[in-house]
C-alpha atoms as a PDB file:
ATOM      1  CA  UNK A   1     -18.154  24.013 -14.274  1.00  0.00           C
ATOM      2  CA  UNK A   2     -14.825  22.929 -15.850  1.00  0.00           C
ATOM      3  CA  UNK A   3     -12.854  25.392 -13.532  1.00  0.00           C
ATOM      4  CA  UNK A   4     -14.656  23.890 -10.461  1.00  0.00           C
ATOM      5  CA  UNK A   5     -13.960  20.206 -11.696  1.00  0.00           C
ATOM      6  CA  UNK A   6     -10.157  21.058 -12.238  1.00  0.00           C
ATOM      7  CA  UNK A   7      -9.834  22.921  -8.879  1.00  0.00           C
ATOM      8  CA  UNK A   8     -11.296  19.536  -7.332  1.00  0.00           C
ATOM      9  CA  UNK A   9      -8.951  17.411  -9.140  1.00  0.00           C
ATOM     10  CA  UNK A  10      -5.826  19.324  -8.128  1.00  0.00           C
ATOM     11  CA  UNK A  11      -6.797  18.659  -4.482  1.00  0.00           C
ATOM     12  CA  UNK A  12      -7.804  14.801  -4.961  1.00  0.00           C
ATOM     13  CA  UNK A  13      -5.250  13.388  -7.566  1.00  0.00           C
ATOM     14  CA  UNK A  14      -1.485  13.803  -8.388  1.00  0.00           C
ATOM     15  CA  UNK A  15      -0.356  16.451 -10.863  1.00  0.00           C
ATOM     16  CA  UNK A  16       0.522  13.743 -13.384  1.00  0.00           C
ATOM     17  CA  UNK A  17      -2.650  12.157 -13.147  1.00  0.00           C
ATOM     18  CA  UNK A  18      -4.366  15.833 -13.915  1.00  0.00           C
ATOM     19  CA  UNK A  19      -2.179  15.823 -16.978  1.00  0.00           C
ATOM     20  CA  UNK A  20      -3.553  12.455 -18.041  1.00  0.00           C
ATOM     21  CA  UNK A  21      -7.302  13.507 -17.456  1.00  0.00           C
ATOM     22  CA  UNK A  22      -6.773  16.394 -19.614  1.00  0.00           C
ATOM     23  CA  UNK A  23      -5.274  14.376 -22.442  1.00  0.00           C
ATOM     24  CA  UNK A  24      -8.065  12.118 -22.261  1.00  0.00           C
ATOM     25  CA  UNK A  25     -10.698  14.969 -22.181  1.00  0.00           C
ATOM     26  CA  UNK A  26      -8.838  16.231 -25.392  1.00  0.00           C
ATOM     27  CA  UNK A  27      -8.961  12.951 -26.918  1.00  0.00           C
ATOM     28  CA  UNK A  28     -12.507  12.482 -26.165  1.00  0.00           C
ATOM     29  CA  UNK A  29     -13.422  15.594 -27.729  1.00  0.00           C
ATOM     30  CA  UNK A  30     -11.690  14.649 -30.928  1.00  0.00           C
ATOM     31  CA  UNK A  31     -13.195  11.502 -31.217  1.00  0.00           C
ATOM     32  CA  UNK A  32     -16.701  12.418 -30.482  1.00  0.00           C
ATOM     33  CA  UNK A  33     -16.332  15.308 -33.116  1.00  0.00           C
ATOM     34  CA  UNK A  34     -15.014  12.746 -35.522  1.00  0.00           C
ATOM     35  CA  UNK A  35     -17.797  10.244 -34.998  1.00  0.00           C
ATOM     36  CA  UNK A  36     -20.451  13.129 -34.908  1.00  0.00           C
ATOM     37  CA  UNK A  37     -21.444  12.479 -31.079  1.00  0.00           C
ATOM     38  CA  UNK A  38     -21.887  15.221 -28.613  1.00  0.00           C
ATOM     39  CA  UNK A  39     -18.464  16.776 -28.112  1.00  0.00           C
ATOM     40  CA  UNK A  40     -19.267  18.468 -24.883  1.00  0.00           C
ATOM     41  CA  UNK A  41     -20.691  15.304 -23.175  1.00  0.00           C
ATOM     42  CA  UNK A  42     -17.736  13.359 -24.355  1.00  0.00           C
ATOM     43  CA  UNK A  43     -15.069  16.104 -23.066  1.00  0.00           C
ATOM     44  CA  UNK A  44     -17.263  16.346 -19.672  1.00  0.00           C
ATOM     45  CA  UNK A  45     -17.140  12.506 -19.222  1.00  0.00           C
ATOM     46  CA  UNK A  46     -13.153  12.516 -20.109  1.00  0.00           C
ATOM     47  CA  UNK A  47     -12.623  15.111 -17.261  1.00  0.00           C
ATOM     48  CA  UNK A  48     -14.435  13.341 -14.650  1.00  0.00           C
ATOM     49  CA  UNK A  49     -13.553   9.824 -15.620  1.00  0.00           C
ATOM     50  CA  UNK A  50     -11.053   9.419 -12.575  1.00  0.00           C
ATOM     51  CA  UNK A  51     -12.405  11.528  -9.740  1.00  0.00           C
ATOM     52  CA  UNK A  52     -11.965   8.698  -7.572  1.00  0.00           C
ATOM     53  CA  UNK A  53      -8.781   7.300  -8.833  1.00  0.00           C
ATOM     54  CA  UNK A  54      -6.875   8.104  -5.519  1.00  0.00           C
ATOM     55  CA  UNK A  55      -9.694   6.999  -3.017  1.00  0.00           C
ATOM     56  CA  UNK A  56      -8.388   4.639  -0.491  1.00  0.00           C
ATOM     57  CA  UNK A  57      -9.498   0.987  -1.019  1.00  0.00           C
ATOM     58  CA  UNK A  58     -11.822   0.868   2.079  1.00  0.00           C
ATOM     59  CA  UNK A  59     -13.553   4.084   0.725  1.00  0.00           C
ATOM     60  CA  UNK A  60     -14.247   2.897  -2.686  1.00  0.00           C
ATOM     61  CA  UNK A  61     -15.740  -0.479  -1.184  1.00  0.00           C
ATOM     62  CA  UNK A  62     -17.625   1.288   1.461  1.00  0.00           C
ATOM     63  CA  UNK A  63     -18.930   3.894  -1.122  1.00  0.00           C
ATOM     64  CA  UNK A  64     -19.742   0.937  -3.566  1.00  0.00           C
ATOM     65  CA  UNK A  65     -21.641  -1.032  -0.822  1.00  0.00           C
ATOM     66  CA  UNK A  66     -23.780   2.175   0.120  1.00  0.00           C
ATOM     67  CA  UNK A  67     -24.692   2.561  -3.597  1.00  0.00           C
ATOM     68  CA  UNK A  68     -25.866  -1.035  -3.657  1.00  0.00           C
ATOM     69  CA  UNK A  69     -23.429  -2.240  -6.163  1.00  0.00           C
ATOM     70  CA  UNK A  70     -22.894  -6.081  -6.677  1.00  0.00           C
ATOM     71  CA  UNK A  71     -19.290  -6.641  -5.333  1.00  0.00           C
ATOM     72  CA  UNK A  72     -17.859  -9.794  -6.421  1.00  0.00           C
ATOM     73  CA  UNK A  73     -14.544 -11.434  -5.209  1.00  0.00           C
ATOM     74  CA  UNK A  74     -12.307  -9.856  -7.719  1.00  0.00           C
ATOM     75  CA  UNK A  75     -13.807  -6.282  -6.712  1.00  0.00           C
ATOM     76  CA  UNK A  76     -13.327  -7.269  -3.173  1.00  0.00           C
ATOM     77  CA  UNK A  77      -9.508  -8.312  -3.763  1.00  0.00           C
ATOM     78  CA  UNK A  78      -9.028  -5.428  -6.067  1.00  0.00           C
ATOM     79  CA  UNK A  79     -10.921  -2.397  -4.944  1.00  0.00           C
ATOM     80  CA  UNK A  80      -9.339   0.079  -7.375  1.00  0.00           C
ATOM     81  CA  UNK A  81     -11.281  -1.363 -10.235  1.00  0.00           C
ATOM     82  CA  UNK A  82     -14.425   0.186  -8.393  1.00  0.00           C
ATOM     83  CA  UNK A  83     -13.128   3.624  -9.148  1.00  0.00           C
ATOM     84  CA  UNK A  84     -14.830   4.132 -12.316  1.00  0.00           C
ATOM     85  CA  UNK A  85     -18.158   3.494 -10.816  1.00  0.00           C
ATOM     86  CA  UNK A  86     -17.180   5.706  -7.598  1.00  0.00           C
ATOM     87  CA  UNK A  87     -16.050   8.484 -10.053  1.00  0.00           C
ATOM     88  CA  UNK A  88     -19.432   8.399 -11.490  1.00  0.00           C
ATOM     89  CA  UNK A  89     -21.039   8.678  -8.036  1.00  0.00           C
ATOM     90  CA  UNK A  90     -18.980  11.695  -7.136  1.00  0.00           C
ATOM     91  CA  UNK A  91     -19.798  13.315 -10.766  1.00  0.00           C
ATOM     92  CA  UNK A  92     -23.496  12.918  -9.588  1.00  0.00           C
ATOM     93  CA  UNK A  93     -22.901  13.932  -5.862  1.00  0.00           C
ATOM     94  CA  UNK A  94     -20.292  16.510  -6.062  1.00  0.00           C
ATOM     95  CA  UNK A  95     -20.956  18.267  -9.380  1.00  0.00           C
ATOM     96  CA  UNK A  96     -24.660  17.491  -9.787  1.00  0.00           C
ATOM     97  CA  UNK A  97     -24.190  15.490 -13.167  1.00  0.00           C
ATOM     98  CA  UNK A  98     -27.557  13.868 -13.913  1.00  0.00           C
ATOM     99  CA  UNK A  99     -26.999  13.113 -17.746  1.00  0.00           C
ATOM    100  CA  UNK A 100     -27.291   9.045 -17.790  1.00  0.00           C
ATOM    101  CA  UNK A 101     -25.327   8.892 -20.791  1.00  0.00           C
ATOM    102  CA  UNK A 102     -22.284  10.854 -19.241  1.00  0.00           C
ATOM    103  CA  UNK A 103     -22.584   8.751 -16.059  1.00  0.00           C
ATOM    104  CA  UNK A 104     -22.456   5.614 -17.653  1.00  0.00           C
ATOM    105  CA  UNK A 105     -19.396   6.583 -19.873  1.00  0.00           C
ATOM    106  CA  UNK A 106     -17.569   7.305 -16.657  1.00  0.00           C
ATOM    107  CA  UNK A 107     -18.847   3.993 -15.013  1.00  0.00           C
ATOM    108  CA  UNK A 108     -17.733   2.078 -18.201  1.00  0.00           C
ATOM    109  CA  UNK A 109     -14.134   3.440 -18.980  1.00  0.00           C
ATOM    110  CA  UNK A 110     -12.286   0.800 -16.955  1.00  0.00           C
ATOM    111  CA  UNK A 111     -13.835  -2.553 -17.470  1.00  0.00           C
ATOM    112  CA  UNK A 112     -16.341  -1.559 -20.536  1.00  0.00           C
ATOM    113  CA  UNK A 113     -19.661  -3.114 -20.813  1.00  0.00           C
ATOM    114  CA  UNK A 114     -21.288  -5.277 -23.633  1.00  0.00           C
ATOM    115  CA  UNK A 115     -23.634  -2.845 -25.677  1.00  0.00           C
ATOM    116  CA  UNK A 116     -22.454   0.012 -24.263  1.00  0.00           C
ATOM    117  CA  UNK A 117     -23.126   3.349 -26.019  1.00  0.00           C
ATOM    118  CA  UNK A 118     -20.695   4.973 -28.536  1.00  0.00           C
ATOM    119  CA  UNK A 119     -20.009   7.693 -25.912  1.00  0.00           C
ATOM    120  CA  UNK A 120     -18.924   5.165 -23.350  1.00  0.00           C
ATOM    121  CA  UNK A 121     -16.651   3.462 -26.362  1.00  0.00           C
ATOM    122  CA  UNK A 122     -15.121   6.831 -26.838  1.00  0.00           C
ATOM    123  CA  UNK A 123     -14.149   7.125 -23.049  1.00  0.00           C
ATOM    124  CA  UNK A 124     -12.990   3.943 -22.648  1.00  0.00           C
ATOM    125  CA  UNK A 125     -10.640   4.058 -25.752  1.00  0.00           C
ATOM    126  CA  UNK A 126      -9.346   7.672 -24.779  1.00  0.00           C
ATOM    127  CA  UNK A 127      -8.302   6.362 -21.347  1.00  0.00           C
ATOM    128  CA  UNK A 128      -6.394   3.693 -22.734  1.00  0.00           C
ATOM    129  CA  UNK A 129      -4.817   5.477 -25.919  1.00  0.00           C
ATOM    130  CA  UNK A 130      -4.388   8.880 -25.017  1.00  0.00           C
ATOM    131  CA  UNK A 131      -0.942  10.125 -26.121  1.00  0.00           C
ATOM    132  CA  UNK A 132       0.964   9.865 -22.735  1.00  0.00           C
ATOM    133  CA  UNK A 133       0.468   6.132 -22.839  1.00  0.00           C
ATOM    134  CA  UNK A 134       3.256   5.692 -25.362  1.00  0.00           C
ATOM    135  CA  UNK A 135       3.978   5.622 -28.871  1.00  0.00           C
ATOM    136  CA  UNK A 136       4.431   2.002 -29.834  1.00  0.00           C
ATOM    137  CA  UNK A 137       3.566   0.889 -33.175  1.00  0.00           C
ATOM    138  CA  UNK A 138       0.619  -1.336 -31.636  1.00  0.00           C
ATOM    139  CA  UNK A 139      -0.613   1.803 -29.679  1.00  0.00           C
ATOM    140  CA  UNK A 140      -0.386   4.172 -32.915  1.00  0.00           C
ATOM    141  CA  UNK A 141      -2.393   1.517 -34.795  1.00  0.00           C
ATOM    142  CA  UNK A 142      -4.961   1.310 -32.116  1.00  0.00           C
ATOM    143  CA  UNK A 143      -5.542   5.225 -32.405  1.00  0.00           C
ATOM    144  CA  UNK A 144      -5.910   5.056 -36.153  1.00  0.00           C
ATOM    145  CA  UNK A 145      -8.418   2.348 -35.774  1.00  0.00           C
ATOM    146  CA  UNK A 146     -10.392   4.605 -33.342  1.00  0.00           C
ATOM    147  CA  UNK A 147     -11.206   6.973 -35.864  1.00  0.00           C
ATOM    148  CA  UNK A 148     -12.240   4.372 -38.284  1.00  0.00           C
ATOM    149  CA  UNK A 149     -14.387   2.280 -36.301  1.00  0.00           C
ATOM    150  CA  UNK A 150     -15.169   2.788 -32.471  1.00  0.00           C
ATOM    151  CA  UNK A 151     -16.358  -0.892 -31.823  1.00  0.00           C
ATOM    152  CA  UNK A 152     -13.408  -2.573 -33.777  1.00  0.00           C
ATOM    153  CA  UNK A 153     -10.942  -0.396 -31.694  1.00  0.00           C
ATOM    154  CA  UNK A 154     -12.631  -1.556 -28.416  1.00  0.00           C
ATOM    155  CA  UNK A 155     -12.235  -5.180 -29.696  1.00  0.00           C
ATOM    156  CA  UNK A 156      -8.672  -4.526 -30.339  1.00  0.00           C
ATOM    157  CA  UNK A 157      -7.958  -2.412 -27.373  1.00  0.00           C
ATOM    158  CA  UNK A 158      -9.500  -5.179 -25.333  1.00  0.00           C
ATOM    159  CA  UNK A 159      -7.060  -7.692 -26.718  1.00  0.00           C
ATOM    160  CA  UNK A 160      -4.290  -5.152 -25.816  1.00  0.00           C
ATOM    161  CA  UNK A 161      -5.409  -4.829 -22.189  1.00  0.00           C
ATOM    162  CA  UNK A 162      -5.889  -8.416 -21.698  1.00  0.00           C
ATOM    163  CA  UNK A 163      -2.379  -9.284 -22.794  1.00  0.00           C
ATOM    164  CA  UNK A 164      -0.948  -6.533 -20.391  1.00  0.00           C
ATOM    165  CA  UNK A 165      -3.070  -7.926 -17.556  1.00  0.00           C
ATOM    166  CA  UNK A 166      -1.747 -11.495 -18.231  1.00  0.00           C
ATOM    167  CA  UNK A 167       1.894 -10.250 -18.434  1.00  0.00           C
ATOM    168  CA  UNK A 168       1.570  -8.579 -15.180  1.00  0.00           C
ATOM    169  CA  UNK A 169      -0.057 -11.382 -13.678  1.00  0.00           C
ATOM    170  CA  UNK A 170      -3.000  -9.261 -12.593  1.00  0.00           C
ATOM    171  CA  UNK A 171      -6.622 -10.285 -12.001  1.00  0.00           C
ATOM    172  CA  UNK A 172      -8.932  -9.956 -14.909  1.00  0.00           C
ATOM    173  CA  UNK A 173     -12.513  -8.985 -14.286  1.00  0.00           C
ATOM    174  CA  UNK A 174     -15.244 -10.987 -16.327  1.00  0.00           C
ATOM    175  CA  UNK A 175     -16.499  -7.760 -17.671  1.00  0.00           C
ATOM    176  CA  UNK A 176     -13.237  -7.140 -19.377  1.00  0.00           C
ATOM    177  CA  UNK A 177     -13.669 -10.375 -21.445  1.00  0.00           C
ATOM    178  CA  UNK A 178     -17.403  -9.946 -22.076  1.00  0.00           C
ATOM    179  CA  UNK A 179     -16.670  -6.487 -23.421  1.00  0.00           C
ATOM    180  CA  UNK A 180     -14.073  -7.552 -25.569  1.00  0.00           C
ATOM    181  CA  UNK A 181     -16.206 -10.516 -26.885  1.00  0.00           C
ATOM    182  CA  UNK A 182     -19.182  -8.142 -27.528  1.00  0.00           C
ATOM    183  CA  UNK A 183     -16.945  -5.817 -29.555  1.00  0.00           C
ATOM    184  CA  UNK A 184     -15.284  -8.605 -31.601  1.00  0.00           C
ATOM    185  CA  UNK A 185     -18.590  -9.949 -32.547  1.00  0.00           C
ATOM    186  CA  UNK A 186     -20.109  -6.616 -33.296  1.00  0.00           C
ATOM    187  CA  UNK A 187     -17.324  -5.566 -35.383  1.00  0.00           C
ATOM    188  CA  UNK A 188     -17.278  -9.033 -37.200  1.00  0.00           C
ATOM    189  CA  UNK A 189     -20.962  -8.665 -38.021  1.00  0.00           C
ATOM    190  CA  UNK A 190     -20.515  -5.194 -39.230  1.00  0.00           C
ATOM    191  CA  UNK A 191     -17.623  -6.480 -41.634  1.00  0.00           C
ATOM    192  CA  UNK A 192     -20.055  -9.170 -42.808  1.00  0.00           C
ATOM    193  CA  UNK A 193     -22.623  -6.782 -43.431  1.00  0.00           C
ATOM    194  CA  UNK A 194     -20.484  -4.394 -45.481  1.00  0.00           C
ATOM    195  CA  UNK A 195     -19.091  -7.286 -47.429  1.00  0.00           C
ATOM    196  CA  UNK A 196     -22.668  -8.481 -48.317  1.00  0.00           C
ATOM    197  CA  UNK A 197     -23.782  -4.909 -49.102  1.00  0.00           C
ATOM    198  CA  UNK A 198     -20.740  -4.438 -51.547  1.00  0.00           C
ATOM    199  CA  UNK A 199     -21.649  -7.834 -53.069  1.00  0.00           C
ATOM    200  CA  UNK A 200     -25.111  -6.818 -53.684  1.00  0.00           C
ATOM    201  CA  UNK A 201     -23.841  -3.524 -55.286  1.00  0.00           C
ATOM    202  CA  UNK A 202     -21.647  -5.496 -57.679  1.00  0.00           C
ATOM    203  CA  UNK A 203     -24.099  -8.071 -58.473  1.00  0.00           C
ATOM    204  CA  UNK A 204     -26.814  -5.401 -59.194  1.00  0.00           C
END
């Protein structure tokens, strides 16, 4: 299966994009193993996350409409944002992927989604933080956070992506903000629970 996907990718995306995809696949595997998730599922989702990256805007819109996806004005104006949803459709239809968790992880890798699964968090983070994205201190810090706490990393990576989008004067889809807010609340909730638990142990 992996060889078949790689052959397909070689015909549908650029060589630099194939290299990005392979780095995402590897980081997905490392994060999944560290957080005791299904490594094969994570790597498969990473390998297929950008299947539709170079589909033309009209094709993305048409496939999304055929699938019955809700298309708001931001998707209409920035069809490339649909490549995650369409990549999941290609994974299902071209490669017979039926596992809902893998398909969801592919769908969520660009905009995220509140309450997304740990596997989705892994692919979302690996896409932004794979080594080819750069070696700035901020990126290195985010990579370290990934291995400590997936949800905290989603929050902080969300902040990083939002700053980048604002600087580039790009449209921001509401789901990007909702994902960041969910991860921030979840992360702070975890922190409060840990502090309360530590306090209980001390007082006991």
